[in-house]
């Protein structure tokens, strides 16, 4: 998403990444990769559970993780688009997210 950050901004999207792990590795990764948007940590997976993306055991041998997911939330707090990955390596394409985001503006 960093590579298309300006396009997301033009579409009126505020990007926020949420990571289900401790803060130190996330901070290191964000610094090394020059991530331009806000990152939050969810080490106890509370947010992941609330959004329904927590998986205790996945078929891809993942344990106690959150499926990668994208949520587009309108200014009034209503979830307008959801993409939940089928496995840890699945991602929604940025152009698909931008198309959906532009529909909200």
Protein backbone atom coordinates (compact mmCIF):
# COMPACT_ATOMS: atom_id res chain seq x y z
CA UNK A 1 0.00 0.00 0.00
CA UNK A 2 2.96 2.29 0.52
CA UNK A 3 3.68 2.31 -3.19
CA UNK A 4 0.21 3.75 -3.87
CA UNK A 5 -0.01 5.91 -0.76
CA UNK A 6 -0.47 9.16 -2.71
CA UNK A 7 -3.27 7.60 -4.77
CA UNK A 8 -5.05 6.55 -1.58
CA UNK A 9 -4.68 10.10 -0.26
CA UNK A 10 -6.13 11.51 -3.49
CA UNK A 11 -9.08 9.15 -3.05
CA UNK A 12 -9.63 10.57 0.44
CA UNK A 13 -8.50 7.41 2.21
CA UNK A 14 -6.66 7.41 5.51
CA UNK A 15 -4.58 4.24 5.70
CA UNK A 16 -4.09 2.54 9.04
CA UNK A 17 -2.28 -0.78 9.37
CA UNK A 18 -2.99 -3.01 12.34
CA UNK A 19 -0.47 -5.68 13.25
CA UNK A 20 -1.15 -8.58 15.60
CA UNK A 21 2.24 -8.65 17.22
CA UNK A 22 4.42 -6.70 19.60
CA UNK A 23 5.33 -3.10 18.88
CA UNK A 24 9.11 -3.39 18.54
CA UNK A 25 9.19 -5.58 15.40
CA UNK A 26 6.47 -3.46 13.79
CA UNK A 27 8.36 -0.25 14.53
CA UNK A 28 11.58 -1.71 13.12
CA UNK A 29 9.83 -2.95 9.96
CA UNK A 30 8.04 0.38 9.45
CA UNK A 31 11.29 2.32 9.80
CA UNK A 32 13.23 0.00 7.48
CA UNK A 33 10.47 0.16 4.85
CA UNK A 34 9.67 3.87 5.24
CA UNK A 35 5.97 3.24 5.83
CA UNK A 36 4.18 6.60 5.38
CA UNK A 37 0.95 5.82 7.23
CA UNK A 38 -0.17 5.06 10.77
CA UNK A 39 0.49 1.60 12.17
CA UNK A 40 -1.17 0.21 15.28
CA UNK A 41 -0.37 -2.95 17.20
CA UNK A 42 -2.87 -5.48 18.50
CA UNK A 43 -0.69 -7.93 20.45
CA UNK A 44 -3.62 -9.58 22.25
CA UNK A 45 -5.60 -9.87 18.96
CA UNK A 46 -8.56 -8.01 20.48
CA UNK A 47 -9.23 -5.91 17.37
CA UNK A 48 -8.68 -8.90 15.07
CA UNK A 49 -11.29 -10.84 17.03
CA UNK A 50 -13.75 -7.94 16.93
CA UNK A 51 -13.41 -7.69 13.15
CA UNK A 52 -13.70 -11.45 12.67
CA UNK A 53 -10.27 -12.05 11.14
CA UNK A 54 -8.60 -13.90 14.03
CA UNK A 55 -7.61 -17.51 13.37
CA UNK A 56 -6.32 -19.74 16.15
CA UNK A 57 -5.16 -22.46 13.72
CA UNK A 58 -5.11 -22.05 9.94
CA UNK A 59 -4.83 -24.63 7.19
CA UNK A 60 -1.59 -22.97 6.11
CA UNK A 61 0.00 -23.90 9.46
CA UNK A 62 -0.52 -20.48 10.95
CA UNK A 63 -1.30 -20.20 14.64
CA UNK A 64 -2.85 -17.39 16.66
CA UNK A 65 -2.84 -14.90 13.77
CA UNK A 66 -5.15 -12.55 11.94
CA UNK A 67 -5.92 -13.11 8.30
CA UNK A 68 -4.73 -10.17 6.22
CA UNK A 69 -7.80 -8.03 5.60
CA UNK A 70 -8.85 -4.66 4.27
CA UNK A 71 -11.77 -2.64 5.56
CA UNK A 72 -12.98 0.58 3.98
CA UNK A 73 -14.90 2.57 6.56
CA UNK A 74 -16.90 5.65 5.64
CA UNK A 75 -16.51 8.97 7.45
CA UNK A 76 -19.61 8.12 9.50
CA UNK A 77 -18.01 4.87 10.74
CA UNK A 78 -19.87 2.38 8.55
CA UNK A 79 -17.90 -0.48 7.01
CA UNK A 80 -18.49 -0.18 3.26
CA UNK A 81 -16.07 -2.78 1.85
CA UNK A 82 -14.37 -5.84 3.28
CA UNK A 83 -11.72 -8.13 1.86
CA UNK A 84 -10.54 -10.97 4.09
CA UNK A 85 -7.70 -13.08 2.73
CA UNK A 86 -8.12 -16.82 2.40
CA UNK A 87 -4.56 -17.38 3.66
CA UNK A 88 -1.53 -15.46 4.91
CA UNK A 89 -0.11 -14.72 1.45
CA UNK A 90 -3.35 -13.54 -0.15
CA UNK A 91 -3.74 -9.77 -0.54
CA UNK A 92 -6.33 -7.51 -2.10
CA UNK A 93 -4.80 -5.64 -5.02
CA UNK A 94 -4.27 -1.93 -4.43
CA UNK A 95 -6.11 -1.00 -7.63
CA UNK A 96 -9.19 -2.93 -6.44
CA UNK A 97 -9.07 -1.10 -3.10
CA UNK A 98 -8.68 2.25 -4.84
CA UNK A 99 -11.66 1.49 -7.08
CA UNK A 100 -13.80 0.74 -4.02
CA UNK A 101 -12.47 3.77 -2.14
CA UNK A 102 -13.32 6.12 -4.99
CA UNK A 103 -16.91 4.89 -4.84
CA UNK A 104 -17.15 6.26 -1.30
CA UNK A 105 -16.15 9.81 -2.18
